[in-house]
Amino acid sequence: MLDALTLVTGVAALFLAAWCGWAAYRDEPTKDWHFIGMGVVSLLALVQLVVGIVQLARGEKPEQGTTIFVAYLLGAFACVPAAGFMSLSERSKWGSVTAAAGAVVLAVLEVRLYDIWGG
């Protein structure tokens, strides 16, 4: 895995969580700018998914197993878009809380991906 990509994705997820958390604190729903931020973070997770699959195809192996690594990659890719779609259904501060929670989950998954790969 690329350590720099994992770090950038995790930090971007934490910034997104803080931004959506601030909106929730101010009793605001998710807005278009939040969804653009979610798109950027999701794009980073997609790049990480592709890089991880390419490295597996080259024959590199994670220390804790390929199956768990791929499962975490897919989960990391899916968590922010899933939270974004859920926040669309709740157009109150709770939508912002949902988006923030999804971003925190992504940050935690990034740490776990680093550990699984052998960091």
C-alpha atoms as a PDB file:
ATOM      1  CA  MET A   1       0.000   0.000   0.000  1.00  0.00           C
ATOM      2  CA  LEU A   2       1.031   3.546  -0.496  1.00  0.00           C
ATOM      3  CA  ASP A   3       1.449   4.997   2.966  1.00  0.00           C
ATOM      4  CA  ALA A   4       1.086   8.567   1.701  1.00  0.00           C
ATOM      5  CA  LEU A   5      -2.258   7.788   0.042  1.00  0.00           C
ATOM      6  CA  THR A   6      -3.524   6.123   3.199  1.00  0.00           C
ATOM      7  CA  LEU A   7      -2.470   9.132   5.273  1.00  0.00           C
ATOM      8  CA  VAL A   8      -4.008  11.678   2.877  1.00  0.00           C
ATOM      9  CA  THR A   9      -7.280   9.747   2.705  1.00  0.00           C
ATOM     10  CA  GLY A  10      -7.492   9.427   6.483  1.00  0.00           C
ATOM     11  CA  VAL A  11      -6.716  13.105   7.093  1.00  0.00           C
ATOM     12  CA  ALA A  12      -9.198  14.192   4.412  1.00  0.00           C
ATOM     13  CA  ALA A  13     -11.833  11.995   6.062  1.00  0.00           C
ATOM     14  CA  LEU A  14     -11.150  13.618   9.436  1.00  0.00           C
ATOM     15  CA  PHE A  15     -11.465  17.095   7.917  1.00  0.00           C
ATOM     16  CA  LEU A  16     -14.759  16.075   6.334  1.00  0.00           C
ATOM     17  CA  ALA A  17     -15.955  14.712   9.684  1.00  0.00           C
ATOM     18  CA  ALA A  18     -15.056  17.961  11.429  1.00  0.00           C
ATOM     19  CA  TRP A  19     -16.753  20.030   8.719  1.00  0.00           C
ATOM     20  CA  CYS A  20     -19.974  18.004   8.796  1.00  0.00           C
ATOM     21  CA  GLY A  21     -19.809  17.890  12.587  1.00  0.00           C
ATOM     22  CA  TRP A  22     -19.587  21.679  12.669  1.00  0.00           C
ATOM     23  CA  ALA A  23     -22.681  21.858  10.460  1.00  0.00           C
ATOM     24  CA  ALA A  24     -24.507  19.518  12.831  1.00  0.00           C
ATOM     25  CA  TYR A  25     -23.448  21.630  15.806  1.00  0.00           C
ATOM     26  CA  ARG A  26     -24.983  24.636  14.050  1.00  0.00           C
ATOM     27  CA  ASP A  27     -28.219  22.660  13.362  1.00  0.00           C
ATOM     28  CA  GLU A  28     -27.621  22.675   9.595  1.00  0.00           C
ATOM     29  CA  PRO A  29     -28.301  19.848   7.135  1.00  0.00           C
ATOM     30  CA  THR A  30     -25.719  18.651   4.654  1.00  0.00           C
ATOM     31  CA  LYS A  31     -25.373  21.104   1.797  1.00  0.00           C
ATOM     32  CA  ASP A  32     -23.972  20.921  -1.708  1.00  0.00           C
ATOM     33  CA  TRP A  33     -20.483  21.829  -0.491  1.00  0.00           C
ATOM     34  CA  HIS A  34     -20.535  18.924   1.926  1.00  0.00           C
ATOM     35  CA  PHE A  35     -21.431  16.572  -0.913  1.00  0.00           C
ATOM     36  CA  ILE A  36     -18.537  17.934  -2.975  1.00  0.00           C
ATOM     37  CA  GLY A  37     -16.258  17.187  -0.020  1.00  0.00           C
ATOM     38  CA  MET A  38     -17.718  13.694   0.224  1.00  0.00           C
ATOM     39  CA  GLY A  39     -17.036  13.256  -3.487  1.00  0.00           C
ATOM     40  CA  VAL A  40     -13.389  14.240  -3.056  1.00  0.00           C
ATOM     41  CA  VAL A  41     -12.916  11.869  -0.131  1.00  0.00           C
ATOM     42  CA  SER A  42     -14.708   9.094  -2.040  1.00  0.00           C
ATOM     43  CA  LEU A  43     -12.424   9.685  -5.016  1.00  0.00           C
ATOM     44  CA  LEU A  44      -9.397   9.250  -2.742  1.00  0.00           C
ATOM     45  CA  ALA A  45     -10.888   5.990  -1.458  1.00  0.00           C
ATOM     46  CA  LEU A  46     -11.471   4.849  -5.051  1.00  0.00           C
ATOM     47  CA  VAL A  47      -7.852   5.575  -5.943  1.00  0.00           C
ATOM     48  CA  GLN A  48      -6.792   3.587  -2.891  1.00  0.00           C
ATOM     49  CA  LEU A  49      -9.026   0.694  -3.948  1.00  0.00           C
ATOM     50  CA  VAL A  50      -7.478   0.640  -7.419  1.00  0.00           C
ATOM     51  CA  VAL A  51      -3.923   0.897  -6.047  1.00  0.00           C
ATOM     52  CA  GLY A  52      -4.600  -1.926  -3.595  1.00  0.00           C
ATOM     53  CA  ILE A  53      -6.003  -4.205  -6.293  1.00  0.00           C
ATOM     54  CA  VAL A  54      -3.082  -3.429  -8.616  1.00  0.00           C
ATOM     55  CA  GLN A  55      -0.605  -4.271  -5.885  1.00  0.00           C
ATOM     56  CA  LEU A  56      -2.392  -7.544  -5.207  1.00  0.00           C
ATOM     57  CA  ALA A  57      -2.341  -8.321  -8.936  1.00  0.00           C
ATOM     58  CA  ARG A  58       1.438  -7.736  -8.965  1.00  0.00           C
ATOM     59  CA  GLY A  59       1.825 -10.444  -6.368  1.00  0.00           C
ATOM     60  CA  GLU A  60       2.318  -8.328  -3.265  1.00  0.00           C
ATOM     61  CA  LYS A  61       0.549  -9.697  -0.215  1.00  0.00           C
ATOM     62  CA  PRO A  62      -0.745  -8.051   2.951  1.00  0.00           C
ATOM     63  CA  GLU A  63       0.564  -9.485   6.200  1.00  0.00           C
ATOM     64  CA  GLN A  64      -2.858 -10.293   7.644  1.00  0.00           C
ATOM     65  CA  GLY A  65      -4.462 -11.884   4.580  1.00  0.00           C
ATOM     66  CA  THR A  66      -5.789 -10.898   1.195  1.00  0.00           C
ATOM     67  CA  THR A  67      -9.458 -11.539   1.928  1.00  0.00           C
ATOM     68  CA  ILE A  68      -9.604  -9.233   4.927  1.00  0.00           C
ATOM     69  CA  PHE A  69      -7.597  -6.606   3.066  1.00  0.00           C
ATOM     70  CA  VAL A  70      -9.991  -6.591   0.101  1.00  0.00           C
ATOM     71  CA  ALA A  71     -12.985  -6.493   2.446  1.00  0.00           C
ATOM     72  CA  TYR A  72     -11.584  -3.435   4.225  1.00  0.00           C
ATOM     73  CA  LEU A  73     -10.752  -1.770   0.891  1.00  0.00           C
ATOM     74  CA  LEU A  74     -14.337  -2.236  -0.292  1.00  0.00           C
ATOM     75  CA  GLY A  75     -15.719  -1.020   3.035  1.00  0.00           C
ATOM     76  CA  ALA A  76     -13.488   2.049   2.942  1.00  0.00           C
ATOM     77  CA  PHE A  77     -14.677   2.818  -0.573  1.00  0.00           C
ATOM     78  CA  ALA A  78     -18.356   2.405   0.324  1.00  0.00           C
ATOM     79  CA  CYS A  79     -18.712   4.070   3.743  1.00  0.00           C
ATOM     80  CA  VAL A  80     -18.716   7.770   2.761  1.00  0.00           C
ATOM     81  CA  PRO A  81     -21.070   7.389  -0.250  1.00  0.00           C
ATOM     82  CA  ALA A  82     -23.424   5.293   1.887  1.00  0.00           C
ATOM     83  CA  ALA A  83     -23.427   7.946   4.620  1.00  0.00           C
ATOM     84  CA  GLY A  84     -23.975  10.627   1.980  1.00  0.00           C
ATOM     85  CA  PHE A  85     -27.029   8.855   0.589  1.00  0.00           C
ATOM     86  CA  MET A  86     -28.391   8.349   4.096  1.00  0.00           C
ATOM     87  CA  SER A  87     -27.885  12.038   4.876  1.00  0.00           C
ATOM     88  CA  LEU A  88     -30.024  12.911   1.842  1.00  0.00           C
ATOM     89  CA  SER A  89     -32.985  11.190   3.427  1.00  0.00           C
ATOM     90  CA  GLU A  90     -32.637  13.202   6.646  1.00  0.00           C
ATOM     91  CA  ARG A  91     -32.528  16.887   5.785  1.00  0.00           C
ATOM     92  CA  SER A  92     -31.814  18.112   9.290  1.00  0.00           C
ATOM     93  CA  LYS A  93     -28.769  18.292  11.498  1.00  0.00           C
ATOM     94  CA  TRP A  94     -28.941  14.503  11.762  1.00  0.00           C
ATOM     95  CA  GLY A  95     -27.996  14.243   8.103  1.00  0.00           C
ATOM     96  CA  SER A  96     -24.814  16.131   8.927  1.00  0.00           C
ATOM     97  CA  VAL A  97     -24.207  13.835  11.894  1.00  0.00           C
ATOM     98  CA  THR A  98     -24.594  10.826   9.598  1.00  0.00           C
ATOM     99  CA  ALA A  99     -22.101  12.228   7.087  1.00  0.00           C
ATOM    100  CA  ALA A 100     -19.636  13.023   9.883  1.00  0.00           C
ATOM    101  CA  ALA A 101     -19.985   9.506  11.282  1.00  0.00           C
ATOM    102  CA  GLY A 102     -19.305   7.990   7.863  1.00  0.00           C
ATOM    103  CA  ALA A 103     -16.150  10.071   7.546  1.00  0.00           C
ATOM    104  CA  VAL A 104     -14.947   8.979  11.003  1.00  0.00           C
ATOM    105  CA  VAL A 105     -15.555   5.359  10.010  1.00  0.00           C
ATOM    106  CA  LEU A 106     -13.413   5.897   6.915  1.00  0.00           C
ATOM    107  CA  ALA A 107     -10.581   7.361   8.997  1.00  0.00           C
ATOM    108  CA  VAL A 108     -10.674   4.333  11.301  1.00  0.00           C
ATOM    109  CA  LEU A 109     -10.713   1.969   8.323  1.00  0.00           C
ATOM    110  CA  GLU A 110      -7.627   3.713   6.945  1.00  0.00           C
ATOM    111  CA  VAL A 111      -5.729   2.976  10.148  1.00  0.00           C
ATOM    112  CA  ARG A 112      -6.865  -0.625   9.979  1.00  0.00           C
ATOM    113  CA  LEU A 113      -5.853  -0.936   6.308  1.00  0.00           C
ATOM    114  CA  TYR A 114      -2.390   0.290   7.227  1.00  0.00           C
ATOM    115  CA  ASP A 115      -2.160  -2.364   9.941  1.00  0.00           C
ATOM    116  CA  ILE A 116      -3.447  -5.149   7.698  1.00  0.00           C
ATOM    117  CA  TRP A 117      -0.943  -4.349   4.965  1.00  0.00           C
ATOM    118  CA  GLY A 118       1.890  -4.543   7.441  1.00  0.00           C
ATOM    119  CA  GLY A 119       2.541  -0.980   8.487  1.00  0.00           C
END
